[in-house]
Amino acid sequence: MVRKSFLFIVTLLFFSQSHLLQASEDAKSFIEDLGRRAIDSLTKPGVPQSELESKFQDLLEEGFDINAIGRFVMAQNWRRMTPDQKERFIPLFEKRLIKSYANRFQEYRGVIFKVKDARTERHYVIVASTIQKPGGPLTPVDWRVKNGKIHDVKVEGVSMSITIRDEYNALVQSNNGNIDAFLSELSTH
């Protein structure tokens, strides 16, 4: 009986580790592919703004869990939002991401992007990579991936989701906690 229990536990551990290794490899391949395509399509000179934003939106929707990130960045405010406010927020959030980040890829012309490794951390796979602009230092970038979608990006150890959460919390506070006023302000930027 003890031997059967031992073999069962060993078998479970083996399959558990195999699953984690496969998830890590899948996440690495996903980030390598998405990163390569982002650099290829978003760093070309002379691309019109509307085309950059459209290409960025496609990559954003394909690779990022916008709903999960949106809930995270709203933090405690998400729980007090009405269903209508939540429904209005997600497209505004996505639009703001597109406006904020699509142009920034023009700065990455000639960049070298390398995926280093991946590790599991709770329910996520963290994919470690580096980005190096021509003549610039290596910049570490970690991608938090779950179920084939990115949930956060850390650049030099700074979480983009936490940065946005802090910004949005400040905007909500500057509107005296009024979510409708916050959404109106978000739609004008």
C-alpha atoms as a PDB file:
ATOM      1  CA  MET A   1       0.000   0.000   0.000  1.00  0.00           C
ATOM      2  CA  VAL A   2       2.800   2.419   0.886  1.00  0.00           C
ATOM      3  CA  ARG A   3       4.570   1.633  -2.366  1.00  0.00           C
ATOM      4  CA  LYS A   4       1.419   2.307  -4.441  1.00  0.00           C
ATOM      5  CA  SER A   5       0.903   5.608  -2.638  1.00  0.00           C
ATOM      6  CA  PHE A   6       4.516   6.561  -3.255  1.00  0.00           C
ATOM      7  CA  LEU A   7       4.266   5.713  -6.969  1.00  0.00           C
ATOM      8  CA  PHE A   8       1.019   7.676  -7.229  1.00  0.00           C
ATOM      9  CA  ILE A   9       2.627  10.744  -5.644  1.00  0.00           C
ATOM     10  CA  VAL A  10       5.712  10.468  -7.859  1.00  0.00           C
ATOM     11  CA  THR A  11       3.485  10.155 -10.944  1.00  0.00           C
ATOM     12  CA  LEU A  12       1.469  13.218  -9.917  1.00  0.00           C
ATOM     13  CA  LEU A  13       4.634  15.242  -9.335  1.00  0.00           C
ATOM     14  CA  PHE A  14       6.037  14.187 -12.694  1.00  0.00           C
ATOM     15  CA  PHE A  15       2.905  15.208 -14.588  1.00  0.00           C
ATOM     16  CA  SER A  16       2.635  18.411 -12.588  1.00  0.00           C
ATOM     17  CA  GLN A  17       6.228  19.333 -13.437  1.00  0.00           C
ATOM     18  CA  SER A  18       5.706  18.365 -17.099  1.00  0.00           C
ATOM     19  CA  HIS A  19       2.649  20.622 -17.248  1.00  0.00           C
ATOM     20  CA  LEU A  20       4.591  23.524 -15.703  1.00  0.00           C
ATOM     21  CA  LEU A  21       7.505  23.038 -18.108  1.00  0.00           C
ATOM     22  CA  GLN A  22       5.132  22.979 -21.085  1.00  0.00           C
ATOM     23  CA  ALA A  23       3.336  26.108 -19.843  1.00  0.00           C
ATOM     24  CA  SER A  24       6.711  27.857 -19.501  1.00  0.00           C
ATOM     25  CA  GLU A  25       7.797  26.861 -23.001  1.00  0.00           C
ATOM     26  CA  ASP A  26       4.437  27.899 -24.461  1.00  0.00           C
ATOM     27  CA  ALA A  27       4.670  31.297 -22.724  1.00  0.00           C
ATOM     28  CA  LYS A  28       8.243  31.824 -23.966  1.00  0.00           C
ATOM     29  CA  SER A  29       7.234  31.043 -27.556  1.00  0.00           C
ATOM     30  CA  PHE A  30       4.189  33.297 -27.266  1.00  0.00           C
ATOM     31  CA  ILE A  31       6.253  36.263 -26.012  1.00  0.00           C
ATOM     32  CA  GLU A  32       9.003  35.690 -28.619  1.00  0.00           C
ATOM     33  CA  ASP A  33       6.419  35.655 -31.415  1.00  0.00           C
ATOM     34  CA  LEU A  34       4.373  38.604 -30.164  1.00  0.00           C
ATOM     35  CA  GLY A  35       7.518  40.667 -29.473  1.00  0.00           C
ATOM     36  CA  ARG A  36       8.982  39.944 -32.900  1.00  0.00           C
ATOM     37  CA  ARG A  37       5.742  40.849 -34.654  1.00  0.00           C
ATOM     38  CA  ALA A  38       5.346  44.037 -32.589  1.00  0.00           C
ATOM     39  CA  ILE A  39       8.858  45.195 -33.459  1.00  0.00           C
ATOM     40  CA  ASP A  40       8.449  44.245 -37.129  1.00  0.00           C
ATOM     41  CA  SER A  41       5.124  46.012 -37.590  1.00  0.00           C
ATOM     42  CA  LEU A  42       5.380  48.984 -35.218  1.00  0.00           C
ATOM     43  CA  THR A  43       8.921  50.265 -35.770  1.00  0.00           C
ATOM     44  CA  LYS A  44       8.805  50.901 -39.510  1.00  0.00           C
ATOM     45  CA  PRO A  45       9.540  54.537 -40.368  1.00  0.00           C
ATOM     46  CA  GLY A  46       6.835  56.667 -41.920  1.00  0.00           C
ATOM     47  CA  VAL A  47       3.869  54.567 -40.822  1.00  0.00           C
ATOM     48  CA  PRO A  48       0.784  56.789 -40.424  1.00  0.00           C
ATOM     49  CA  GLN A  49      -0.537  57.223 -36.870  1.00  0.00           C
ATOM     50  CA  SER A  50      -3.859  55.535 -37.659  1.00  0.00           C
ATOM     51  CA  GLU A  51      -2.085  52.446 -39.031  1.00  0.00           C
ATOM     52  CA  LEU A  52       0.246  52.273 -36.011  1.00  0.00           C
ATOM     53  CA  GLU A  53      -2.728  52.435 -33.676  1.00  0.00           C
ATOM     54  CA  SER A  54      -4.623  49.793 -35.645  1.00  0.00           C
ATOM     55  CA  LYS A  55      -1.668  47.382 -35.640  1.00  0.00           C
ATOM     56  CA  PHE A  56      -1.032  48.027 -31.948  1.00  0.00           C
ATOM     57  CA  GLN A  57      -4.705  47.410 -31.155  1.00  0.00           C
ATOM     58  CA  ASP A  58      -4.590  44.067 -32.978  1.00  0.00           C
ATOM     59  CA  LEU A  59      -1.518  42.974 -31.002  1.00  0.00           C
ATOM     60  CA  LEU A  60      -2.966  44.304 -27.744  1.00  0.00           C
ATOM     61  CA  GLU A  61      -6.237  42.415 -28.165  1.00  0.00           C
ATOM     62  CA  GLU A  62      -4.440  39.244 -29.235  1.00  0.00           C
ATOM     63  CA  GLY A  63      -1.811  39.217 -26.521  1.00  0.00           C
ATOM     64  CA  PHE A  64      -3.166  40.986 -23.440  1.00  0.00           C
ATOM     65  CA  ASP A  65      -6.037  40.152 -21.100  1.00  0.00           C
ATOM     66  CA  ILE A  66      -7.517  43.643 -21.226  1.00  0.00           C
ATOM     67  CA  ASN A  67     -10.453  42.773 -18.954  1.00  0.00           C
ATOM     68  CA  ALA A  68      -8.243  41.317 -16.206  1.00  0.00           C
ATOM     69  CA  ILE A  69      -5.794  44.213 -16.429  1.00  0.00           C
ATOM     70  CA  GLY A  70      -8.669  46.703 -16.388  1.00  0.00           C
ATOM     71  CA  ARG A  71     -10.103  45.136 -13.233  1.00  0.00           C
ATOM     72  CA  PHE A  72      -6.659  45.190 -11.621  1.00  0.00           C
ATOM     73  CA  VAL A  73      -5.917  48.829 -12.430  1.00  0.00           C
ATOM     74  CA  MET A  74      -9.265  49.929 -11.018  1.00  0.00           C
ATOM     75  CA  ALA A  75      -8.496  48.000  -7.798  1.00  0.00           C
ATOM     76  CA  GLN A  76     -11.019  48.747  -5.044  1.00  0.00           C
ATOM     77  CA  ASN A  77     -12.907  51.092  -7.374  1.00  0.00           C
ATOM     78  CA  TRP A  78     -13.874  48.123  -9.584  1.00  0.00           C
ATOM     79  CA  ARG A  79     -15.979  46.619  -6.786  1.00  0.00           C
ATOM     80  CA  ARG A  80     -18.031  49.776  -6.412  1.00  0.00           C
ATOM     81  CA  MET A  81     -18.544  50.371 -10.124  1.00  0.00           C
ATOM     82  CA  THR A  82     -21.935  49.569 -11.636  1.00  0.00           C
ATOM     83  CA  PRO A  83     -22.132  47.028 -14.475  1.00  0.00           C
ATOM     84  CA  ASP A  84     -22.729  49.939 -16.883  1.00  0.00           C
ATOM     85  CA  GLN A  85     -19.637  51.783 -15.632  1.00  0.00           C
ATOM     86  CA  LYS A  86     -17.527  48.634 -15.998  1.00  0.00           C
ATOM     87  CA  GLU A  87     -18.813  48.147 -19.523  1.00  0.00           C
ATOM     88  CA  ARG A  88     -17.948  51.745 -20.399  1.00  0.00           C
ATOM     89  CA  PHE A  89     -14.547  51.590 -18.711  1.00  0.00           C
ATOM     90  CA  ILE A  90     -12.963  48.662 -20.587  1.00  0.00           C
ATOM     91  CA  PRO A  91     -13.135  50.252 -24.101  1.00  0.00           C
ATOM     92  CA  LEU A  92     -11.944  53.592 -22.682  1.00  0.00           C
ATOM     93  CA  PHE A  93      -9.068  51.810 -20.963  1.00  0.00           C
ATOM     94  CA  GLU A  94      -8.092  50.012 -24.169  1.00  0.00           C
ATOM     95  CA  LYS A  95      -8.329  53.205 -26.228  1.00  0.00           C
ATOM     96  CA  ARG A  96      -6.108  55.028 -23.743  1.00  0.00           C
ATOM     97  CA  LEU A  97      -3.519  52.222 -23.868  1.00  0.00           C
ATOM     98  CA  ILE A  98      -3.474  52.427 -27.654  1.00  0.00           C
ATOM     99  CA  LYS A  99      -3.050  56.206 -27.650  1.00  0.00           C
ATOM    100  CA  SER A 100      -0.346  56.036 -24.959  1.00  0.00           C
ATOM    101  CA  TYR A 101       1.779  53.198 -26.306  1.00  0.00           C
ATOM    102  CA  ALA A 102       1.388  52.856 -30.091  1.00  0.00           C
ATOM    103  CA  ASN A 103       3.752  55.760 -30.830  1.00  0.00           C
ATOM    104  CA  ARG A 104       6.364  54.629 -28.326  1.00  0.00           C
ATOM    105  CA  PHE A 105       7.312  51.717 -30.545  1.00  0.00           C
ATOM    106  CA  GLN A 106       8.831  54.170 -33.016  1.00  0.00           C
ATOM    107  CA  GLU A 107      11.576  54.638 -30.394  1.00  0.00           C
ATOM    108  CA  TYR A 108      12.415  50.931 -30.673  1.00  0.00           C
ATOM    109  CA  ARG A 109      13.672  50.970 -34.243  1.00  0.00           C
ATOM    110  CA  GLY A 110      16.685  48.665 -34.480  1.00  0.00           C
ATOM    111  CA  VAL A 111      16.052  47.178 -31.048  1.00  0.00           C
ATOM    112  CA  ILE A 112      17.323  43.734 -30.100  1.00  0.00           C
ATOM    113  CA  PHE A 113      14.672  41.715 -28.251  1.00  0.00           C
ATOM    114  CA  LYS A 114      15.648  38.455 -26.560  1.00  0.00           C
ATOM    115  CA  VAL A 115      13.620  36.080 -24.455  1.00  0.00           C
ATOM    116  CA  LYS A 116      15.820  34.591 -21.743  1.00  0.00           C
ATOM    117  CA  ASP A 117      13.835  32.113 -19.678  1.00  0.00           C
ATOM    118  CA  ALA A 118      10.551  31.459 -17.957  1.00  0.00           C
ATOM    119  CA  ARG A 119       9.536  30.448 -14.465  1.00  0.00           C
ATOM    120  CA  THR A 120       6.264  29.778 -12.738  1.00  0.00           C
ATOM    121  CA  GLU A 121       5.077  32.069  -9.991  1.00  0.00           C
ATOM    122  CA  ARG A 122       1.763  31.121  -8.425  1.00  0.00           C
ATOM    123  CA  HIS A 123      -0.731  30.913 -11.310  1.00  0.00           C
ATOM    124  CA  TYR A 124       1.461  32.801 -13.763  1.00  0.00           C
ATOM    125  CA  VAL A 125       4.431  32.154 -15.984  1.00  0.00           C
ATOM    126  CA  ILE A 126       6.985  34.948 -15.808  1.00  0.00           C
ATOM    127  CA  VAL A 127       8.899  35.272 -19.071  1.00  0.00           C
ATOM    128  CA  ALA A 128      12.173  37.149 -18.652  1.00  0.00           C
ATOM    129  CA  SER A 129      13.471  39.087 -21.623  1.00  0.00           C
ATOM    130  CA  THR A 130      15.746  41.969 -22.516  1.00  0.00           C
ATOM    131  CA  ILE A 131      15.407  44.854 -24.917  1.00  0.00           C
ATOM    132  CA  GLN A 132      18.403  46.786 -26.147  1.00  0.00           C
ATOM    133  CA  LYS A 133      18.124  49.935 -28.197  1.00  0.00           C
ATOM    134  CA  PRO A 134      21.060  50.611 -30.541  1.00  0.00           C
ATOM    135  CA  GLY A 135      23.933  51.893 -28.397  1.00  0.00           C
ATOM    136  CA  GLY A 136      21.822  51.632 -25.251  1.00  0.00           C
ATOM    137  CA  PRO A 137      21.968  49.424 -22.187  1.00  0.00           C
ATOM    138  CA  LEU A 138      20.117  46.123 -21.801  1.00  0.00           C
ATOM    139  CA  THR A 139      16.694  46.727 -20.307  1.00  0.00           C
ATOM    140  CA  PRO A 140      15.142  43.800 -18.441  1.00  0.00           C
ATOM    141  CA  VAL A 141      11.475  43.197 -19.220  1.00  0.00           C
ATOM    142  CA  ASP A 142       9.360  40.546 -17.467  1.00  0.00           C
ATOM    143  CA  TRP A 143       6.042  39.412 -18.911  1.00  0.00           C
ATOM    144  CA  ARG A 144       3.392  37.948 -16.547  1.00  0.00           C
ATOM    145  CA  VAL A 145       1.421  35.405 -18.608  1.00  0.00           C
ATOM    146  CA  LYS A 146      -1.650  33.389 -17.669  1.00  0.00           C
ATOM    147  CA  ASN A 147      -3.778  31.242 -19.975  1.00  0.00           C
ATOM    148  CA  GLY A 148      -1.961  32.485 -23.054  1.00  0.00           C
ATOM    149  CA  LYS A 149      -2.480  36.192 -22.310  1.00  0.00           C
ATOM    150  CA  ILE A 150      -0.253  38.873 -20.794  1.00  0.00           C
ATOM    151  CA  HIS A 151      -1.486  40.250 -17.469  1.00  0.00           C
ATOM    152  CA  ASP A 152       1.392  42.596 -16.683  1.00  0.00           C
ATOM    153  CA  VAL A 153       4.716  43.844 -18.000  1.00  0.00           C
ATOM    154  CA  LYS A 154       7.555  44.875 -15.706  1.00  0.00           C
ATOM    155  CA  VAL A 155      10.206  47.113 -17.211  1.00  0.00           C
ATOM    156  CA  GLU A 156      13.332  47.350 -15.064  1.00  0.00           C
ATOM    157  CA  GLY A 157      11.279  45.946 -12.187  1.00  0.00           C
ATOM    158  CA  VAL A 158       8.478  48.519 -12.510  1.00  0.00           C
ATOM    159  CA  SER A 159       5.016  47.052 -13.075  1.00  0.00           C
ATOM    160  CA  MET A 160       3.120  48.835 -15.820  1.00  0.00           C
ATOM    161  CA  SER A 161      -0.202  47.660 -14.319  1.00  0.00           C
ATOM    162  CA  ILE A 162       0.653  49.094 -10.914  1.00  0.00           C
ATOM    163  CA  THR A 163       1.819  52.345 -12.513  1.00  0.00           C
ATOM    164  CA  ILE A 164      -1.492  52.660 -14.378  1.00  0.00           C
ATOM    165  CA  ARG A 165      -3.436  51.650 -11.245  1.00  0.00           C
ATOM    166  CA  ASP A 166      -1.767  54.456  -9.292  1.00  0.00           C
ATOM    167  CA  GLU A 167      -2.521  56.940 -12.084  1.00  0.00           C
ATOM    168  CA  TYR A 168      -6.179  55.876 -12.319  1.00  0.00           C
ATOM    169  CA  ASN A 169      -6.636  55.900  -8.545  1.00  0.00           C
ATOM    170  CA  ALA A 170      -5.313  59.469  -8.490  1.00  0.00           C
ATOM    171  CA  LEU A 171      -7.751  60.415 -11.295  1.00  0.00           C
ATOM    172  CA  VAL A 172     -10.667  58.892  -9.384  1.00  0.00           C
ATOM    173  CA  GLN A 173      -9.587  60.769  -6.247  1.00  0.00           C
ATOM    174  CA  SER A 174      -9.239  64.046  -8.157  1.00  0.00           C
ATOM    175  CA  ASN A 175     -12.884  63.542  -9.161  1.00  0.00           C
ATOM    176  CA  ASN A 176     -13.884  63.112  -5.503  1.00  0.00           C
ATOM    177  CA  GLY A 177     -14.388  59.383  -6.014  1.00  0.00           C
ATOM    178  CA  ASN A 178     -17.083  59.965  -8.628  1.00  0.00           C
ATOM    179  CA  ILE A 179     -16.694  57.136 -11.168  1.00  0.00           C
ATOM    180  CA  ASP A 180     -18.889  58.819 -13.809  1.00  0.00           C
ATOM    181  CA  ALA A 181     -16.751  61.970 -13.619  1.00  0.00           C
ATOM    182  CA  PHE A 182     -13.615  59.795 -13.832  1.00  0.00           C
ATOM    183  CA  LEU A 183     -14.979  58.029 -16.941  1.00  0.00           C
ATOM    184  CA  SER A 184     -15.823  61.381 -18.533  1.00  0.00           C
ATOM    185  CA  GLU A 185     -12.304  62.633 -17.892  1.00  0.00           C
ATOM    186  CA  LEU A 186     -10.828  59.393 -19.208  1.00  0.00           C
ATOM    187  CA  SER A 187     -12.833  59.748 -22.433  1.00  0.00           C
ATOM    188  CA  THR A 188     -11.491  63.256 -23.099  1.00  0.00           C
ATOM    189  CA  HIS A 189      -7.822  62.256 -22.941  1.00  0.00           C
END
